[in-house]
N, C-alpha and C. Protein backbone atom coordinates (compact mmCIF):
# COMPACT_ATOMS: atom_id res chain seq x y z
N UNK A 1 83.59 73.55 103.45
CA UNK A 1 83.26 74.47 102.37
C UNK A 1 82.17 75.43 102.87
N UNK A 2 82.38 76.71 102.61
CA UNK A 2 81.43 77.73 103.05
C UNK A 2 80.19 77.70 102.15
N UNK A 3 79.04 77.99 102.78
CA UNK A 3 77.80 78.02 102.01
C UNK A 3 77.78 79.25 101.10
N UNK A 4 76.86 79.25 100.17
CA UNK A 4 76.71 80.39 99.25
C UNK A 4 76.34 81.65 100.02
N UNK A 5 75.55 81.49 101.10
CA UNK A 5 75.15 82.65 101.89
C UNK A 5 76.35 83.28 102.60
N UNK A 6 77.21 82.43 103.16
CA UNK A 6 78.40 82.94 103.84
C UNK A 6 79.28 83.69 102.85
N UNK A 7 79.48 83.12 101.68
CA UNK A 7 80.30 83.77 100.64
C UNK A 7 79.69 85.09 100.19
N UNK A 8 78.38 85.12 100.03
CA UNK A 8 77.71 86.35 99.61
C UNK A 8 77.83 87.45 100.66
N UNK A 9 77.66 87.09 101.93
CA UNK A 9 77.78 88.08 103.00
C UNK A 9 79.20 88.64 103.05
N UNK A 10 80.19 87.78 102.87
CA UNK A 10 81.58 88.22 102.88
C UNK A 10 81.83 89.24 101.76
N UNK A 11 81.30 88.97 100.58
CA UNK A 11 81.47 89.89 99.45
C UNK A 11 80.78 91.22 99.73
N UNK A 12 79.55 91.18 100.24
CA UNK A 12 78.81 92.42 100.50
C UNK A 12 79.50 93.29 101.58
N UNK A 13 79.90 92.67 102.67
CA UNK A 13 80.49 93.45 103.76
C UNK A 13 81.88 94.00 103.41
N UNK A 14 82.61 93.29 102.56
CA UNK A 14 83.96 93.78 102.21
C UNK A 14 83.98 94.67 100.97
N UNK A 15 82.86 94.75 100.26
CA UNK A 15 82.77 95.64 99.10
C UNK A 15 82.90 97.09 99.57
N UNK A 16 83.84 97.89 99.01
CA UNK A 16 84.03 99.25 99.48
C UNK A 16 82.84 100.18 99.17
N UNK A 17 81.96 99.78 98.28
CA UNK A 17 80.78 100.60 97.95
C UNK A 17 79.60 100.30 98.86
N UNK A 18 79.64 99.18 99.55
CA UNK A 18 78.51 98.77 100.40
C UNK A 18 78.90 98.76 101.87
N UNK A 19 79.93 98.02 102.19
CA UNK A 19 80.37 97.89 103.57
C UNK A 19 81.34 99.01 103.95
N UNK A 20 81.42 99.27 105.24
CA UNK A 20 82.39 100.27 105.72
C UNK A 20 82.87 99.88 107.11
N UNK A 21 83.94 100.51 107.53
CA UNK A 21 84.52 100.21 108.83
C UNK A 21 83.84 101.01 109.92
N UNK A 22 83.77 100.41 111.10
CA UNK A 22 83.24 101.07 112.28
C UNK A 22 83.96 100.48 113.48
N UNK A 23 83.84 101.17 114.59
CA UNK A 23 84.42 100.68 115.86
C UNK A 23 83.27 100.30 116.77
N UNK A 24 83.25 99.04 117.15
CA UNK A 24 82.21 98.50 118.03
C UNK A 24 82.80 98.31 119.41
N UNK A 25 82.08 98.79 120.44
CA UNK A 25 82.54 98.61 121.82
C UNK A 25 81.36 98.09 122.64
N UNK A 26 81.52 96.87 123.13
CA UNK A 26 80.46 96.33 124.01
C UNK A 26 80.54 97.04 125.34
N UNK A 27 79.46 97.01 126.09
CA UNK A 27 79.40 97.66 127.38
C UNK A 27 80.49 97.09 128.29
N UNK A 28 81.50 97.90 128.59
CA UNK A 28 82.60 97.47 129.44
C UNK A 28 83.70 96.73 128.70
N UNK A 29 83.59 96.61 127.37
CA UNK A 29 84.58 95.86 126.58
C UNK A 29 85.57 96.77 125.89
N UNK A 30 86.47 96.15 125.15
CA UNK A 30 87.49 96.87 124.38
C UNK A 30 86.96 97.19 122.98
N UNK A 31 87.40 98.31 122.40
CA UNK A 31 86.98 98.64 121.04
C UNK A 31 87.43 97.57 120.03
N UNK A 32 86.58 97.32 119.04
CA UNK A 32 86.84 96.30 118.04
C UNK A 32 86.50 96.88 116.66
N UNK A 33 87.44 96.79 115.71
CA UNK A 33 87.20 97.25 114.36
C UNK A 33 86.35 96.21 113.64
N UNK A 34 85.21 96.63 113.09
CA UNK A 34 84.29 95.71 112.40
C UNK A 34 83.88 96.31 111.07
N UNK A 35 83.27 95.48 110.22
CA UNK A 35 82.69 95.93 108.97
C UNK A 35 81.18 95.95 109.14
N UNK A 36 80.53 97.00 108.64
CA UNK A 36 79.07 97.13 108.76
C UNK A 36 78.47 97.45 107.39
N UNK A 37 77.18 97.25 107.29
CA UNK A 37 76.40 97.74 106.16
C UNK A 37 75.33 98.65 106.78
N UNK A 38 75.36 99.91 106.39
CA UNK A 38 74.44 100.91 106.97
C UNK A 38 73.17 101.00 106.15
N UNK A 39 72.05 101.09 106.86
CA UNK A 39 70.76 101.30 106.21
C UNK A 39 70.05 102.43 106.94
N UNK A 40 70.05 103.59 106.35
CA UNK A 40 69.46 104.76 107.00
C UNK A 40 68.18 105.15 106.28
N UNK A 41 67.19 104.31 106.42
CA UNK A 41 65.92 104.53 105.74
C UNK A 41 64.97 105.36 106.62
N UNK A 42 64.01 105.98 105.98
CA UNK A 42 62.95 106.67 106.71
C UNK A 42 61.92 105.64 107.17
N UNK A 43 61.30 105.90 108.29
CA UNK A 43 60.24 105.03 108.80
C UNK A 43 58.96 105.83 108.94
N UNK A 44 57.86 105.22 108.57
CA UNK A 44 56.54 105.85 108.73
C UNK A 44 55.75 104.99 109.69
N UNK A 45 55.30 105.59 110.78
CA UNK A 45 54.54 104.88 111.81
C UNK A 45 53.16 105.48 111.92
N UNK A 46 52.18 104.63 112.16
CA UNK A 46 50.82 105.08 112.39
C UNK A 46 50.62 105.30 113.87
N UNK A 47 49.98 106.44 114.20
CA UNK A 47 49.66 106.76 115.59
C UNK A 47 48.24 107.34 115.56
N UNK A 48 47.27 106.47 115.84
CA UNK A 48 45.89 106.90 115.70
C UNK A 48 45.59 107.20 114.24
N UNK A 49 45.08 108.41 113.97
CA UNK A 49 44.81 108.81 112.60
C UNK A 49 46.01 109.49 111.96
N UNK A 50 47.05 109.70 112.70
CA UNK A 50 48.23 110.40 112.17
C UNK A 50 49.27 109.40 111.67
N UNK A 51 50.06 109.85 110.70
CA UNK A 51 51.21 109.08 110.23
C UNK A 51 52.44 109.91 110.53
N UNK A 52 53.36 109.31 111.25
CA UNK A 52 54.57 110.00 111.69
C UNK A 52 55.76 109.53 110.88
N UNK A 53 56.56 110.47 110.39
CA UNK A 53 57.77 110.18 109.63
C UNK A 53 58.97 110.39 110.54
N UNK A 54 59.92 109.47 110.48
CA UNK A 54 61.15 109.65 111.27
C UNK A 54 62.31 109.03 110.52
N UNK A 55 63.50 109.58 110.76
CA UNK A 55 64.71 109.00 110.20
C UNK A 55 65.16 107.88 111.11
N UNK A 56 65.73 106.84 110.54
CA UNK A 56 66.26 105.75 111.34
C UNK A 56 67.72 105.52 110.99
N UNK A 57 68.44 104.98 111.91
CA UNK A 57 69.81 104.52 111.65
C UNK A 57 69.84 103.07 112.05
N UNK A 58 69.94 102.23 111.06
CA UNK A 58 69.94 100.78 111.26
C UNK A 58 71.16 100.22 110.53
N UNK A 59 71.85 99.31 111.16
CA UNK A 59 73.02 98.71 110.52
C UNK A 59 72.98 97.20 110.62
N UNK A 60 73.73 96.56 109.75
CA UNK A 60 73.94 95.12 109.80
C UNK A 60 75.36 94.87 110.26
N UNK A 61 75.52 93.92 111.18
CA UNK A 61 76.81 93.47 111.71
C UNK A 61 76.93 91.97 111.45
N UNK A 62 78.13 91.51 111.12
CA UNK A 62 78.35 90.08 110.93
C UNK A 62 78.42 89.39 112.30
N UNK A 63 77.71 88.28 112.45
CA UNK A 63 77.72 87.52 113.69
C UNK A 63 79.13 87.03 114.01
N UNK A 64 79.90 86.72 112.97
CA UNK A 64 81.27 86.23 113.19
C UNK A 64 82.15 87.28 113.86
N UNK A 65 81.84 88.57 113.64
CA UNK A 65 82.63 89.65 114.26
C UNK A 65 82.05 90.07 115.61
N UNK A 66 80.71 90.11 115.69
CA UNK A 66 80.04 90.54 116.92
C UNK A 66 79.02 89.45 117.28
N UNK A 67 79.42 88.46 118.10
CA UNK A 67 78.53 87.34 118.38
C UNK A 67 77.30 87.68 119.21
N UNK A 68 77.35 88.72 120.05
CA UNK A 68 76.23 89.01 120.95
C UNK A 68 76.10 90.50 121.23
N UNK A 69 75.65 91.31 120.25
CA UNK A 69 75.43 92.73 120.52
C UNK A 69 74.28 92.91 121.49
N UNK A 70 74.36 93.94 122.31
CA UNK A 70 73.35 94.21 123.34
C UNK A 70 72.96 95.67 123.32
N UNK A 71 71.72 95.98 123.77
CA UNK A 71 71.35 97.39 123.90
C UNK A 71 72.34 98.10 124.81
N UNK A 72 72.73 99.29 124.42
CA UNK A 72 73.69 100.08 125.19
C UNK A 72 75.12 99.96 124.67
N UNK A 73 75.41 98.95 123.83
CA UNK A 73 76.72 98.85 123.23
C UNK A 73 76.91 100.03 122.28
N UNK A 74 78.17 100.43 122.07
CA UNK A 74 78.49 101.65 121.31
C UNK A 74 79.07 101.30 119.95
N UNK A 75 78.74 102.13 118.97
CA UNK A 75 79.29 101.97 117.61
C UNK A 75 79.68 103.35 117.11
N UNK A 76 80.88 103.48 116.61
CA UNK A 76 81.35 104.74 116.03
C UNK A 76 81.64 104.54 114.57
N UNK A 77 81.07 105.45 113.74
CA UNK A 77 81.32 105.41 112.30
C UNK A 77 81.32 106.83 111.77
N UNK A 78 82.27 107.09 110.91
CA UNK A 78 82.41 108.41 110.29
C UNK A 78 82.42 109.54 111.30
N UNK A 79 83.07 109.34 112.43
CA UNK A 79 83.20 110.36 113.44
C UNK A 79 81.97 110.59 114.30
N UNK A 80 80.94 109.77 114.13
CA UNK A 80 79.73 109.89 114.94
C UNK A 80 79.59 108.67 115.84
N UNK A 81 79.09 108.88 117.05
CA UNK A 81 78.90 107.80 118.01
C UNK A 81 77.41 107.47 118.16
N UNK A 82 77.11 106.19 118.25
CA UNK A 82 75.75 105.70 118.39
C UNK A 82 75.70 104.64 119.46
N UNK A 83 74.51 104.44 120.03
CA UNK A 83 74.24 103.35 120.96
C UNK A 83 73.20 102.43 120.37
N UNK A 84 73.35 101.15 120.61
CA UNK A 84 72.33 100.20 120.17
C UNK A 84 71.10 100.37 121.05
N UNK A 85 69.94 100.46 120.41
CA UNK A 85 68.69 100.54 121.15
C UNK A 85 67.80 99.38 120.71
N UNK A 86 67.08 98.82 121.66
CA UNK A 86 66.23 97.69 121.34
C UNK A 86 67.06 96.42 121.18
N UNK A 87 66.37 95.31 120.99
CA UNK A 87 67.05 94.02 120.86
C UNK A 87 67.51 93.79 119.41
N UNK A 88 68.76 93.43 119.24
CA UNK A 88 69.26 93.06 117.90
C UNK A 88 68.51 91.84 117.38
N UNK A 89 68.39 91.77 116.04
CA UNK A 89 67.68 90.66 115.39
C UNK A 89 68.62 90.01 114.39
N UNK A 90 68.69 88.65 114.43
CA UNK A 90 69.51 87.93 113.47
C UNK A 90 68.69 87.52 112.26
N UNK A 91 69.36 87.37 111.13
CA UNK A 91 68.70 86.92 109.91
C UNK A 91 68.46 85.40 110.00
N UNK A 92 67.73 84.89 109.04
CA UNK A 92 67.33 83.48 109.05
C UNK A 92 68.53 82.53 109.05
N UNK A 93 69.59 82.92 108.37
CA UNK A 93 70.78 82.07 108.27
C UNK A 93 71.70 82.22 109.47
N UNK A 94 71.38 83.15 110.38
CA UNK A 94 72.18 83.40 111.59
C UNK A 94 73.57 83.93 111.26
N UNK A 95 73.66 84.74 110.20
CA UNK A 95 74.95 85.30 109.77
C UNK A 95 75.08 86.78 110.08
N UNK A 96 73.94 87.48 110.18
CA UNK A 96 73.94 88.94 110.28
C UNK A 96 73.00 89.40 111.37
N UNK A 97 73.48 90.33 112.20
CA UNK A 97 72.61 91.03 113.16
C UNK A 97 72.14 92.34 112.52
N UNK A 98 70.87 92.68 112.70
CA UNK A 98 70.38 94.00 112.35
C UNK A 98 70.09 94.71 113.67
N UNK A 99 70.69 95.91 113.82
CA UNK A 99 70.52 96.67 115.06
C UNK A 99 70.06 98.08 114.75
N UNK A 100 69.21 98.61 115.62
CA UNK A 100 68.77 100.01 115.56
C UNK A 100 69.71 100.82 116.43
N UNK A 101 70.06 102.00 115.94
CA UNK A 101 70.96 102.87 116.65
C UNK A 101 70.32 104.20 116.98
N UNK A 102 70.82 104.83 118.03
CA UNK A 102 70.44 106.21 118.35
C UNK A 102 71.71 106.96 118.65
N UNK A 103 71.73 108.28 118.44
CA UNK A 103 72.95 109.03 118.73
C UNK A 103 73.34 108.88 120.20
N UNK A 104 74.64 108.80 120.43
CA UNK A 104 75.16 108.65 121.80
C UNK A 104 75.21 109.98 122.49
């Protein structure tokens, strides 16, 4: 029997208002159709006395679909290509990867 967390993640990722399709390609691998949840929030960083504003592109990937994303892997969504930058981070339940993206 699946846990409540697994069931909730399945509902969120497959909901057409929240989740969407993307093509994930690991470095040297074959393209794979996956479901993602996009979070494109603004980030404010402190640098000395200055506060810097920047746009971010961060997405969530299901571990069951992408077991080991790595920096440099490619993701295409809505006709735009991105590369994973930095180390992906898994949630506490080990169900979802959160990755930062930059334009390819």
